[in-house]
Amino acid sequence: MKCPYCGYLESKVIDTRPTDEGERIRRRRECLQCGKRFTSYEVVETTPVMVIKKDGSREVFNRDKLLRGVMKSCEKRPVTLAQLDELVAEIDSELQNRLEREVPSSVIGELVMEKLKRVDQVAYVRFASVYREFKDINSFLEELKEILAHEGVK
């Protein structure tokens, strides 16, 4: 495993533990040259899920890209990286467990919004405003009214 600090190709494993309900293995490593520690993750290779974009093009599902997008909507919010990692892991797991190997980006967007709504409503609205491409303030207000209506039900 290549050290992210000095680039040396050999390290020793200090700690190993399962994460994401056994879906991944987290390994804590120490570089044999510079002595710095870093974390690596091991995942089982699966048939990739292809994302069908709005324009009809296809690309391989990218967990990191999804995490970056969710992190952007949670900037300056009281949401931990662990919560976001768990949210993305849940979505990744749901996509991997589907029978279809091609999933429209709209399905992924809806999954993100469903899960973000439970984590942080401001982050949910931020994500929804970009994802749903609100054309004007009225469509944005309609979404907020729907959130408030569901809150009143609880």
N, C-alpha and C. Protein backbone atom coordinates (compact mmCIF):
# COMPACT_ATOMS: atom_id res chain seq x y z
N MET A 1 0.85 -1.17 0.00
CA MET A 1 0.00 0.00 0.00
C MET A 1 0.90 1.23 0.00
N LYS A 2 0.70 2.12 -0.95
CA LYS A 2 1.53 3.31 -1.12
C LYS A 2 1.22 4.34 -0.04
N CYS A 3 2.24 4.82 0.63
CA CYS A 3 2.09 5.83 1.68
C CYS A 3 1.64 7.15 1.05
N PRO A 4 0.56 7.76 1.57
CA PRO A 4 0.09 9.03 1.01
C PRO A 4 1.01 10.20 1.35
N TYR A 5 1.94 10.01 2.27
CA TYR A 5 2.83 11.10 2.69
C TYR A 5 4.15 11.10 1.92
N CYS A 6 4.79 9.92 1.85
CA CYS A 6 6.11 9.89 1.20
C CYS A 6 6.13 9.05 -0.07
N GLY A 7 5.08 8.28 -0.33
CA GLY A 7 5.01 7.48 -1.55
C GLY A 7 5.67 6.12 -1.47
N TYR A 8 6.24 5.78 -0.30
CA TYR A 8 6.89 4.48 -0.13
C TYR A 8 5.84 3.38 -0.27
N LEU A 9 6.24 2.25 -0.87
CA LEU A 9 5.27 1.21 -1.21
C LEU A 9 5.05 0.14 -0.14
N GLU A 10 5.72 0.24 1.00
CA GLU A 10 5.54 -0.79 2.01
C GLU A 10 5.10 -0.18 3.33
N SER A 11 4.12 -0.87 3.94
CA SER A 11 3.60 -0.43 5.24
C SER A 11 3.21 -1.67 6.02
N LYS A 12 3.03 -1.47 7.32
CA LYS A 12 2.56 -2.59 8.14
C LYS A 12 1.18 -2.24 8.67
N VAL A 13 0.36 -3.27 8.83
CA VAL A 13 -0.99 -3.10 9.35
C VAL A 13 -0.93 -3.10 10.86
N ILE A 14 -1.50 -2.05 11.46
CA ILE A 14 -1.50 -1.89 12.92
C ILE A 14 -2.82 -2.39 13.51
N ASP A 15 -3.92 -2.10 12.79
CA ASP A 15 -5.24 -2.45 13.31
C ASP A 15 -6.16 -2.78 12.13
N THR A 16 -7.02 -3.75 12.29
CA THR A 16 -7.99 -4.13 11.27
C THR A 16 -9.34 -4.30 11.93
N ARG A 17 -10.36 -3.70 11.32
CA ARG A 17 -11.71 -3.90 11.84
C ARG A 17 -12.73 -3.74 10.73
N PRO A 18 -13.85 -4.47 10.83
CA PRO A 18 -14.90 -4.35 9.81
C PRO A 18 -15.69 -3.05 10.00
N THR A 19 -16.19 -2.50 8.90
CA THR A 19 -17.05 -1.32 8.95
C THR A 19 -18.25 -1.57 8.06
N ASP A 20 -19.22 -0.70 8.09
CA ASP A 20 -20.41 -0.78 7.23
C ASP A 20 -21.03 -2.17 7.25
N GLU A 21 -21.25 -2.69 8.44
CA GLU A 21 -21.87 -4.00 8.61
C GLU A 21 -21.13 -5.10 7.85
N GLY A 22 -19.80 -5.03 7.89
CA GLY A 22 -18.98 -6.05 7.26
C GLY A 22 -18.77 -5.86 5.77
N GLU A 23 -19.29 -4.77 5.22
CA GLU A 23 -19.14 -4.52 3.78
C GLU A 23 -17.71 -4.11 3.42
N ARG A 24 -17.03 -3.45 4.36
CA ARG A 24 -15.67 -2.98 4.11
C ARG A 24 -14.81 -3.33 5.30
N ILE A 25 -13.49 -3.36 5.07
CA ILE A 25 -12.54 -3.58 6.14
C ILE A 25 -11.67 -2.33 6.25
N ARG A 26 -11.58 -1.80 7.44
CA ARG A 26 -10.76 -0.61 7.70
C ARG A 26 -9.44 -1.09 8.26
N ARG A 27 -8.35 -0.64 7.64
CA ARG A 27 -7.02 -1.02 8.12
C ARG A 27 -6.24 0.24 8.47
N ARG A 28 -5.70 0.25 9.66
CA ARG A 28 -4.82 1.33 10.10
C ARG A 28 -3.41 0.87 9.80
N ARG A 29 -2.66 1.68 9.05
CA ARG A 29 -1.34 1.28 8.59
C ARG A 29 -0.27 2.27 9.04
N GLU A 30 0.97 1.78 9.06
CA GLU A 30 2.12 2.64 9.37
C GLU A 30 3.16 2.43 8.29
N CYS A 31 3.60 3.55 7.70
CA CYS A 31 4.62 3.50 6.64
C CYS A 31 5.94 3.02 7.24
N LEU A 32 6.60 2.09 6.54
CA LEU A 32 7.87 1.56 7.03
C LEU A 32 9.03 2.51 6.78
N GLN A 33 8.82 3.56 5.97
CA GLN A 33 9.90 4.51 5.73
C GLN A 33 9.77 5.75 6.61
N CYS A 34 8.62 6.45 6.52
CA CYS A 34 8.50 7.72 7.26
C CYS A 34 7.82 7.55 8.63
N GLY A 35 7.19 6.40 8.87
CA GLY A 35 6.58 6.14 10.16
C GLY A 35 5.21 6.76 10.38
N LYS A 36 4.71 7.50 9.39
CA LYS A 36 3.39 8.12 9.54
C LYS A 36 2.31 7.07 9.37
N ARG A 37 1.16 7.35 10.01
CA ARG A 37 0.05 6.41 9.96
C ARG A 37 -1.04 6.91 9.03
N PHE A 38 -1.73 5.96 8.41
CA PHE A 38 -2.84 6.30 7.52
C PHE A 38 -3.84 5.15 7.51
N THR A 39 -5.03 5.43 6.98
CA THR A 39 -6.11 4.44 6.95
C THR A 39 -6.38 4.02 5.53
N SER A 40 -6.61 2.73 5.33
CA SER A 40 -7.03 2.23 4.02
C SER A 40 -8.30 1.41 4.23
N TYR A 41 -9.06 1.28 3.16
CA TYR A 41 -10.29 0.50 3.20
C TYR A 41 -10.23 -0.57 2.12
N GLU A 42 -10.73 -1.73 2.46
CA GLU A 42 -10.77 -2.85 1.53
C GLU A 42 -12.23 -3.18 1.28
N VAL A 43 -12.60 -3.30 0.01
CA VAL A 43 -13.99 -3.66 -0.33
C VAL A 43 -13.98 -4.83 -1.29
N VAL A 44 -15.03 -5.60 -1.24
CA VAL A 44 -15.18 -6.71 -2.17
C VAL A 44 -15.53 -6.14 -3.54
N GLU A 45 -14.86 -6.63 -4.56
CA GLU A 45 -15.16 -6.17 -5.90
C GLU A 45 -16.49 -6.76 -6.34
N THR A 46 -17.31 -5.90 -6.89
CA THR A 46 -18.61 -6.33 -7.39
C THR A 46 -18.78 -5.81 -8.81
N THR A 47 -19.81 -6.30 -9.47
CA THR A 47 -20.12 -5.76 -10.78
C THR A 47 -20.54 -4.32 -10.58
N PRO A 48 -19.93 -3.39 -11.30
CA PRO A 48 -20.23 -1.98 -11.05
C PRO A 48 -21.65 -1.61 -11.43
N VAL A 49 -22.19 -0.66 -10.67
CA VAL A 49 -23.50 -0.10 -10.98
C VAL A 49 -23.26 1.07 -11.93
N MET A 50 -23.99 1.07 -13.01
CA MET A 50 -23.88 2.16 -13.98
C MET A 50 -25.00 3.17 -13.69
N VAL A 51 -24.63 4.44 -13.69
CA VAL A 51 -25.59 5.53 -13.46
C VAL A 51 -26.00 6.09 -14.83
N ILE A 52 -27.30 6.13 -15.06
CA ILE A 52 -27.82 6.72 -16.30
C ILE A 52 -28.12 8.18 -15.99
N LYS A 53 -27.34 9.06 -16.59
CA LYS A 53 -27.46 10.50 -16.33
C LYS A 53 -28.67 11.07 -17.07
N LYS A 54 -29.03 12.31 -16.72
CA LYS A 54 -30.18 12.98 -17.35
C LYS A 54 -30.06 13.05 -18.87
N ASP A 55 -28.84 13.23 -19.36
CA ASP A 55 -28.64 13.37 -20.81
C ASP A 55 -28.55 12.01 -21.52
N GLY A 56 -28.74 10.91 -20.77
CA GLY A 56 -28.71 9.58 -21.36
C GLY A 56 -27.34 8.92 -21.32
N SER A 57 -26.31 9.67 -20.99
CA SER A 57 -24.97 9.08 -20.90
C SER A 57 -24.89 8.19 -19.65
N ARG A 58 -23.89 7.33 -19.64
CA ARG A 58 -23.72 6.41 -18.52
C ARG A 58 -22.32 6.56 -17.94
N GLU A 59 -22.24 6.41 -16.63
CA GLU A 59 -20.94 6.38 -15.97
C GLU A 59 -21.03 5.45 -14.77
N VAL A 60 -19.88 4.94 -14.35
CA VAL A 60 -19.82 4.03 -13.20
C VAL A 60 -20.17 4.82 -11.94
N PHE A 61 -20.99 4.21 -11.07
CA PHE A 61 -21.33 4.84 -9.80
C PHE A 61 -20.06 5.11 -9.03
N ASN A 62 -19.95 6.34 -8.52
CA ASN A 62 -18.74 6.75 -7.81
C ASN A 62 -19.14 7.19 -6.40
N ARG A 63 -18.82 6.35 -5.43
CA ARG A 63 -19.16 6.60 -4.03
C ARG A 63 -18.56 7.91 -3.54
N ASP A 64 -17.32 8.18 -3.93
CA ASP A 64 -16.64 9.41 -3.48
C ASP A 64 -17.31 10.66 -4.05
N LYS A 65 -17.75 10.57 -5.28
CA LYS A 65 -18.44 11.71 -5.91
C LYS A 65 -19.74 12.01 -5.16
N LEU A 66 -20.45 10.95 -4.79
CA LEU A 66 -21.69 11.12 -4.03
C LEU A 66 -21.39 11.74 -2.66
N LEU A 67 -20.35 11.26 -2.00
CA LEU A 67 -19.97 11.79 -0.69
C LEU A 67 -19.62 13.28 -0.78
N ARG A 68 -18.86 13.65 -1.82
CA ARG A 68 -18.51 15.07 -2.00
C ARG A 68 -19.77 15.93 -2.18
N GLY A 69 -20.73 15.44 -2.95
CA GLY A 69 -21.97 16.19 -3.17
C GLY A 69 -22.77 16.36 -1.90
N VAL A 70 -22.85 15.31 -1.11
CA VAL A 70 -23.58 15.37 0.15
C VAL A 70 -22.85 16.28 1.14
N MET A 71 -21.51 16.20 1.14
CA MET A 71 -20.73 17.07 2.03
C MET A 71 -20.96 18.54 1.70
N LYS A 72 -21.07 18.84 0.42
CA LYS A 72 -21.29 20.21 -0.01
C LYS A 72 -22.61 20.75 0.56
N SER A 73 -23.65 19.94 0.54
CA SER A 73 -24.93 20.40 1.06
C SER A 73 -24.95 20.48 2.59
N CYS A 74 -23.97 19.85 3.24
CA CYS A 74 -23.91 19.86 4.71
C CYS A 74 -22.86 20.82 5.26
N GLU A 75 -22.28 21.63 4.38
CA GLU A 75 -21.27 22.59 4.85
C GLU A 75 -21.85 23.50 5.93
N LYS A 76 -21.07 23.71 6.97
CA LYS A 76 -21.44 24.57 8.10
C LYS A 76 -22.72 24.11 8.80
N ARG A 77 -22.97 22.81 8.76
CA ARG A 77 -24.11 22.22 9.45
C ARG A 77 -23.57 21.25 10.50
N PRO A 78 -24.35 20.99 11.56
CA PRO A 78 -23.88 20.08 12.62
C PRO A 78 -24.03 18.61 12.23
N VAL A 79 -23.41 18.24 11.11
CA VAL A 79 -23.47 16.87 10.61
C VAL A 79 -22.03 16.35 10.57
N THR A 80 -21.82 15.20 11.19
CA THR A 80 -20.46 14.65 11.24
C THR A 80 -20.13 13.90 9.95
N LEU A 81 -18.85 13.77 9.71
CA LEU A 81 -18.40 13.01 8.55
C LEU A 81 -18.83 11.55 8.68
N ALA A 82 -18.86 11.05 9.90
CA ALA A 82 -19.31 9.67 10.13
C ALA A 82 -20.77 9.49 9.70
N GLN A 83 -21.61 10.48 10.00
CA GLN A 83 -23.01 10.41 9.58
C GLN A 83 -23.12 10.39 8.05
N LEU A 84 -22.31 11.23 7.41
CA LEU A 84 -22.35 11.30 5.94
C LEU A 84 -21.81 10.02 5.33
N ASP A 85 -20.76 9.48 5.92
CA ASP A 85 -20.19 8.23 5.44
C ASP A 85 -21.22 7.10 5.54
N GLU A 86 -21.94 7.08 6.65
CA GLU A 86 -22.98 6.07 6.85
C GLU A 86 -24.10 6.23 5.83
N LEU A 87 -24.52 7.48 5.59
CA LEU A 87 -25.57 7.77 4.62
C LEU A 87 -25.17 7.27 3.23
N VAL A 88 -23.95 7.59 2.82
CA VAL A 88 -23.46 7.17 1.50
C VAL A 88 -23.31 5.65 1.45
N ALA A 89 -22.86 5.04 2.55
CA ALA A 89 -22.72 3.58 2.60
C ALA A 89 -24.08 2.91 2.45
N GLU A 90 -25.12 3.47 3.07
CA GLU A 90 -26.47 2.92 2.94
C GLU A 90 -26.93 2.97 1.49
N ILE A 91 -26.71 4.10 0.84
CA ILE A 91 -27.11 4.25 -0.56
C ILE A 91 -26.33 3.29 -1.44
N ASP A 92 -25.02 3.21 -1.23
CA ASP A 92 -24.17 2.30 -1.99
C ASP A 92 -24.66 0.86 -1.82
N SER A 93 -24.96 0.49 -0.60
CA SER A 93 -25.44 -0.86 -0.31
C SER A 93 -26.77 -1.13 -1.00
N GLU A 94 -27.68 -0.16 -0.95
CA GLU A 94 -28.98 -0.33 -1.62
C GLU A 94 -28.80 -0.50 -3.12
N LEU A 95 -27.90 0.26 -3.70
CA LEU A 95 -27.66 0.16 -5.14
C LEU A 95 -27.02 -1.19 -5.50
N GLN A 96 -26.08 -1.65 -4.68
CA GLN A 96 -25.42 -2.93 -4.94
C GLN A 96 -26.39 -4.10 -4.80
N ASN A 97 -27.39 -3.96 -3.93
CA ASN A 97 -28.33 -5.05 -3.68
C ASN A 97 -29.48 -5.09 -4.68
N ARG A 98 -29.56 -4.11 -5.55
CA ARG A 98 -30.59 -4.11 -6.59
C ARG A 98 -30.24 -5.14 -7.66
N LEU A 99 -31.27 -5.62 -8.32
CA LEU A 99 -31.03 -6.56 -9.40
C LEU A 99 -30.53 -5.85 -10.65
N GLU A 100 -30.97 -4.58 -10.83
CA GLU A 100 -30.54 -3.83 -12.01
C GLU A 100 -29.11 -3.34 -11.81
N ARG A 101 -28.32 -3.40 -12.84
CA ARG A 101 -26.96 -2.90 -12.80
C ARG A 101 -26.89 -1.47 -13.35
N GLU A 102 -28.01 -0.98 -13.91
CA GLU A 102 -28.08 0.39 -14.39
C GLU A 102 -29.19 1.11 -13.64
N VAL A 103 -28.84 2.25 -13.06
CA VAL A 103 -29.78 2.99 -12.22
C VAL A 103 -29.82 4.44 -12.69
N PRO A 104 -31.02 4.99 -12.92
CA PRO A 104 -31.11 6.40 -13.30
C PRO A 104 -30.61 7.30 -12.16
N SER A 105 -29.95 8.39 -12.51
CA SER A 105 -29.44 9.32 -11.50
C SER A 105 -30.58 9.85 -10.63
N SER A 106 -31.79 9.91 -11.19
CA SER A 106 -32.93 10.40 -10.42
C SER A 106 -33.23 9.50 -9.22
N VAL A 107 -33.03 8.20 -9.37
CA VAL A 107 -33.24 7.26 -8.26
C VAL A 107 -32.24 7.55 -7.15
N ILE A 108 -30.99 7.78 -7.53
CA ILE A 108 -29.95 8.08 -6.53
C ILE A 108 -30.26 9.40 -5.84
N GLY A 109 -30.67 10.41 -6.61
CA GLY A 109 -31.03 11.71 -6.03
C GLY A 109 -32.15 11.59 -5.02
N GLU A 110 -33.17 10.79 -5.34
CA GLU A 110 -34.29 10.60 -4.41
C GLU A 110 -33.83 9.87 -3.14
N LEU A 111 -32.94 8.88 -3.29
CA LEU A 111 -32.41 8.19 -2.11
C LEU A 111 -31.65 9.15 -1.21
N VAL A 112 -30.84 10.02 -1.82
CA VAL A 112 -30.07 10.99 -1.04
C VAL A 112 -31.02 11.91 -0.29
N MET A 113 -32.03 12.42 -0.97
CA MET A 113 -32.96 13.36 -0.31
C MET A 113 -33.72 12.67 0.82
N GLU A 114 -34.15 11.44 0.60
CA GLU A 114 -34.86 10.69 1.63
C GLU A 114 -34.01 10.56 2.90
N LYS A 115 -32.73 10.24 2.71
CA LYS A 115 -31.85 10.03 3.86
C LYS A 115 -31.37 11.35 4.47
N LEU A 116 -31.13 12.36 3.63
CA LEU A 116 -30.70 13.67 4.16
C LEU A 116 -31.79 14.32 4.99
N LYS A 117 -33.04 14.11 4.62
CA LYS A 117 -34.16 14.72 5.34
C LYS A 117 -34.13 14.28 6.80
N ARG A 118 -33.72 13.03 7.04
CA ARG A 118 -33.65 12.51 8.41
C ARG A 118 -32.42 13.01 9.16
N VAL A 119 -31.36 13.34 8.42
CA VAL A 119 -30.11 13.76 9.06
C VAL A 119 -30.11 15.26 9.38
N ASP A 120 -30.48 16.09 8.39
CA ASP A 120 -30.46 17.54 8.58
C ASP A 120 -31.36 18.18 7.52
N GLN A 121 -32.41 18.87 7.98
CA GLN A 121 -33.38 19.41 7.04
C GLN A 121 -32.83 20.57 6.20
N VAL A 122 -31.91 21.35 6.76
CA VAL A 122 -31.31 22.44 5.99
C VAL A 122 -30.46 21.84 4.86
N ALA A 123 -29.69 20.83 5.17
CA ALA A 123 -28.89 20.16 4.14
C ALA A 123 -29.80 19.53 3.09
N TYR A 124 -30.91 18.98 3.53
CA TYR A 124 -31.89 18.41 2.60
C TYR A 124 -32.38 19.47 1.62
N VAL A 125 -32.75 20.64 2.14
CA VAL A 125 -33.27 21.72 1.28
C VAL A 125 -32.18 22.20 0.33
N ARG A 126 -30.96 22.29 0.82
CA ARG A 126 -29.84 22.69 -0.05
C ARG A 126 -29.68 21.70 -1.20
N PHE A 127 -29.66 20.42 -0.85
CA PHE A 127 -29.49 19.39 -1.88
C PHE A 127 -30.67 19.42 -2.84
N ALA A 128 -31.88 19.51 -2.30
CA ALA A 128 -33.08 19.52 -3.14
C ALA A 128 -33.09 20.72 -4.08
N SER A 129 -32.61 21.87 -3.61
CA SER A 129 -32.62 23.06 -4.45
C SER A 129 -31.74 22.89 -5.68
N VAL A 130 -30.64 22.17 -5.55
CA VAL A 130 -29.77 21.91 -6.69
C VAL A 130 -30.33 20.74 -7.51
N TYR A 131 -30.72 19.66 -6.82
CA TYR A 131 -31.18 18.46 -7.50
C TYR A 131 -32.48 18.70 -8.28
N ARG A 132 -33.41 19.37 -7.65
CA ARG A 132 -34.71 19.59 -8.30
C ARG A 132 -34.72 20.83 -9.20
N GLU A 133 -33.61 21.56 -9.18
CA GLU A 133 -33.47 22.73 -10.06
C GLU A 133 -34.69 23.65 -9.98
N PHE A 134 -34.96 24.14 -8.77
CA PHE A 134 -36.10 25.03 -8.59
C PHE A 134 -35.99 26.21 -9.55
N LYS A 135 -37.08 26.46 -10.28
CA LYS A 135 -37.07 27.53 -11.28
C LYS A 135 -37.31 28.91 -10.67
N ASP A 136 -38.04 28.93 -9.56
CA ASP A 136 -38.34 30.22 -8.94
C ASP A 136 -38.59 30.02 -7.45
N ILE A 137 -38.82 31.10 -6.75
CA ILE A 137 -39.01 31.06 -5.29
C ILE A 137 -40.27 30.29 -4.91
N ASN A 138 -41.30 30.33 -5.77
CA ASN A 138 -42.55 29.62 -5.45
C ASN A 138 -42.35 28.11 -5.39
N SER A 139 -41.60 27.55 -6.33
CA SER A 139 -41.36 26.11 -6.29
C SER A 139 -40.53 25.74 -5.06
N PHE A 140 -39.63 26.62 -4.67
CA PHE A 140 -38.82 26.41 -3.47
C PHE A 140 -39.72 26.46 -2.23
N LEU A 141 -40.62 27.43 -2.18
CA LEU A 141 -41.55 27.55 -1.05
C LEU A 141 -42.47 26.34 -0.94
N GLU A 142 -42.88 25.79 -2.07
CA GLU A 142 -43.73 24.59 -2.05
C GLU A 142 -43.01 23.43 -1.37
N GLU A 143 -41.74 23.29 -1.66
CA GLU A 143 -40.95 22.22 -1.03
C GLU A 143 -40.86 22.45 0.48
N LEU A 144 -40.62 23.70 0.88
CA LEU A 144 -40.55 24.01 2.32
C LEU A 144 -41.88 23.76 3.00
N LYS A 145 -42.99 24.11 2.34
CA LYS A 145 -44.32 23.86 2.93
C LYS A 145 -44.56 22.37 3.13
N GLU A 146 -44.09 21.57 2.17
CA GLU A 146 -44.24 20.12 2.29
C GLU A 146 -43.46 19.59 3.51
N ILE A 147 -42.26 20.11 3.71
CA ILE A 147 -41.45 19.70 4.87
C ILE A 147 -42.19 20.08 6.16
N LEU A 148 -42.68 21.32 6.21
CA LEU A 148 -43.38 21.78 7.40
C LEU A 148 -44.65 20.98 7.66
N ALA A 149 -45.35 20.60 6.60
CA ALA A 149 -46.57 19.80 6.74
C ALA A 149 -46.25 18.43 7.34
N HIS A 150 -45.14 17.83 6.89
CA HIS A 150 -44.73 16.52 7.43
C HIS A 150 -44.28 16.65 8.87
N GLU A 151 -43.66 17.77 9.22
CA GLU A 151 -43.24 18.01 10.59
C GLU A 151 -44.44 18.12 11.52
N GLY A 152 -45.51 18.74 11.04
CA GLY A 152 -46.73 18.89 11.84
C GLY A 152 -47.38 17.57 12.14
N VAL A 153 -47.20 16.58 11.25
CA VAL A 153 -47.79 15.25 11.40
C VAL A 153 -47.11 14.49 12.54
N LYS A 154 -45.81 14.69 12.71
CA LYS A 154 -45.04 13.92 13.71
C LYS A 154 -45.44 14.21 15.10
